[in-house]
């Protein structure tokens, strides 16, 4: 289990890298998952990790589960690796931006 100091740091890191609001993320997951002829139920749109990030954004820190903590570490690591200062997004790199947005990070957001 993660100790309180580690959890505080993780909570801060997670909310730093996840720069989309829960409303923005929910809307993005619906848009990104909509097909030409089908559209998923709003609470089932997007990949499981995106759904989990959305659930974490709607929780208080005291309500986090071990699974939430695991996903938070994954998201912080993924965003840190892919959106570091040397990896500034370029106009033509929509694929990477969209992948990051499914976990709540919009690299084009200030």
Protein backbone atom coordinates (compact mmCIF):
# COMPACT_ATOMS: atom_id res chain seq x y z
CA UNK A 1 0.00 0.00 0.00
CA UNK A 2 1.12 3.53 -0.73
CA UNK A 3 1.91 5.69 2.32
CA UNK A 4 0.28 9.07 2.91
CA UNK A 5 3.20 11.17 1.62
CA UNK A 6 3.50 9.06 -1.52
CA UNK A 7 -0.25 9.30 -2.06
CA UNK A 8 -0.15 13.10 -1.66
CA UNK A 9 2.61 13.33 -4.27
CA UNK A 10 0.79 10.94 -6.62
CA UNK A 11 -2.49 12.86 -6.22
CA UNK A 12 -0.70 16.13 -7.09
CA UNK A 13 1.16 14.58 -10.06
CA UNK A 14 -2.02 12.95 -11.38
CA UNK A 15 -3.96 16.21 -11.24
CA UNK A 16 -1.03 18.04 -12.88
CA UNK A 17 -0.83 15.66 -15.86
CA UNK A 18 -4.58 15.13 -16.21
CA UNK A 19 -5.33 18.63 -17.45
CA UNK A 20 -8.79 17.94 -18.84
CA UNK A 21 -11.84 18.34 -16.61
CA UNK A 22 -14.09 15.35 -16.06
CA UNK A 23 -16.64 16.98 -18.41
CA UNK A 24 -14.01 17.48 -21.13
CA UNK A 25 -12.76 13.92 -20.76
CA UNK A 26 -16.26 12.42 -20.79
CA UNK A 27 -17.11 14.38 -23.94
CA UNK A 28 -13.83 13.35 -25.60
CA UNK A 29 -14.36 9.66 -24.76
CA UNK A 30 -17.85 9.81 -26.32
CA UNK A 31 -16.54 11.53 -29.47
CA UNK A 32 -13.48 9.30 -29.86
CA UNK A 33 -15.54 6.12 -29.45
CA UNK A 34 -18.44 7.08 -31.71
CA UNK A 35 -18.53 5.15 -34.95
CA UNK A 36 -20.33 5.96 -38.17
CA UNK A 37 -23.36 3.89 -37.25
CA UNK A 38 -22.99 3.30 -33.51
CA UNK A 39 -22.44 5.37 -30.46
CA UNK A 40 -21.67 3.75 -27.10
CA UNK A 41 -23.62 4.46 -23.96
CA UNK A 42 -22.10 7.59 -22.37
CA UNK A 43 -20.85 5.72 -19.30
CA UNK A 44 -19.21 3.05 -21.48
CA UNK A 45 -17.42 5.26 -24.02
CA UNK A 46 -13.68 5.11 -24.44
CA UNK A 47 -11.04 2.62 -23.34
CA UNK A 48 -11.11 1.14 -19.81
CA UNK A 49 -8.19 3.31 -18.66
CA UNK A 50 -9.97 6.47 -19.85
CA UNK A 51 -13.09 5.39 -18.00
CA UNK A 52 -11.02 4.73 -14.87
CA UNK A 53 -9.37 8.17 -15.08
CA UNK A 54 -12.84 9.71 -15.36
CA UNK A 55 -13.97 7.79 -12.25
CA UNK A 56 -10.87 8.94 -10.32
CA UNK A 57 -11.52 12.58 -11.26
CA UNK A 58 -14.93 12.26 -9.62
CA UNK A 59 -13.54 10.87 -6.34
CA UNK A 60 -12.08 12.37 -3.22
CA UNK A 61 -8.55 11.31 -2.36
CA UNK A 62 -9.80 9.45 0.71
CA UNK A 63 -12.00 7.23 -1.50
CA UNK A 64 -9.20 5.91 -3.73
CA UNK A 65 -8.79 2.15 -4.10
CA UNK A 66 -5.53 0.26 -4.73
CA UNK A 67 -6.67 -0.13 -8.35
CA UNK A 68 -7.16 3.65 -8.62
CA UNK A 69 -3.63 4.20 -7.30
CA UNK A 70 -2.23 1.74 -9.87
CA UNK A 71 -4.02 3.55 -12.73
CA UNK A 72 -2.87 6.94 -11.43
CA UNK A 73 0.77 5.77 -11.52
CA UNK A 74 0.26 4.40 -15.06
CA UNK A 75 -1.25 7.68 -16.28
CA UNK A 76 1.46 9.85 -14.68
CA UNK A 77 4.19 7.61 -16.19
CA UNK A 78 2.58 7.55 -19.65
CA UNK A 79 2.03 11.30 -19.82
CA UNK A 80 5.49 12.05 -18.42
CA UNK A 81 7.12 9.80 -21.04
CA UNK A 82 5.06 11.03 -23.99
CA UNK A 83 4.48 14.68 -23.19
CA UNK A 84 7.80 15.78 -21.75
CA UNK A 85 9.34 19.16 -22.69
CA UNK A 86 11.42 17.51 -25.44
CA UNK A 87 8.25 15.93 -26.85
CA UNK A 88 6.28 19.08 -27.59
CA UNK A 89 3.29 18.21 -29.76
CA UNK A 90 3.48 19.12 -33.40
CA UNK A 91 0.55 20.13 -35.55
CA UNK A 92 0.66 16.87 -37.52
CA UNK A 93 0.83 14.60 -34.50
CA UNK A 94 -2.91 14.17 -33.93
CA UNK A 95 -2.63 10.44 -33.19
CA UNK A 96 -0.41 10.95 -30.15
CA UNK A 97 -2.51 13.86 -28.93
CA UNK A 98 -5.69 11.77 -29.21
CA UNK A 99 -4.10 8.82 -27.36
CA UNK A 100 -3.06 11.14 -24.52
CA UNK A 101 -6.50 12.74 -24.47
CA UNK A 102 -8.12 9.33 -23.84
CA UNK A 103 -6.33 9.35 -20.47
CA UNK A 104 -7.16 12.97 -19.69
CA UNK A 105 -4.10 14.86 -20.96
CA UNK A 106 -4.43 17.38 -23.79
CA UNK A 107 -0.85 18.33 -24.78
CA UNK A 108 -2.11 21.43 -26.59
CA UNK A 109 -3.76 22.81 -23.48
CA UNK A 110 -1.67 25.52 -21.74
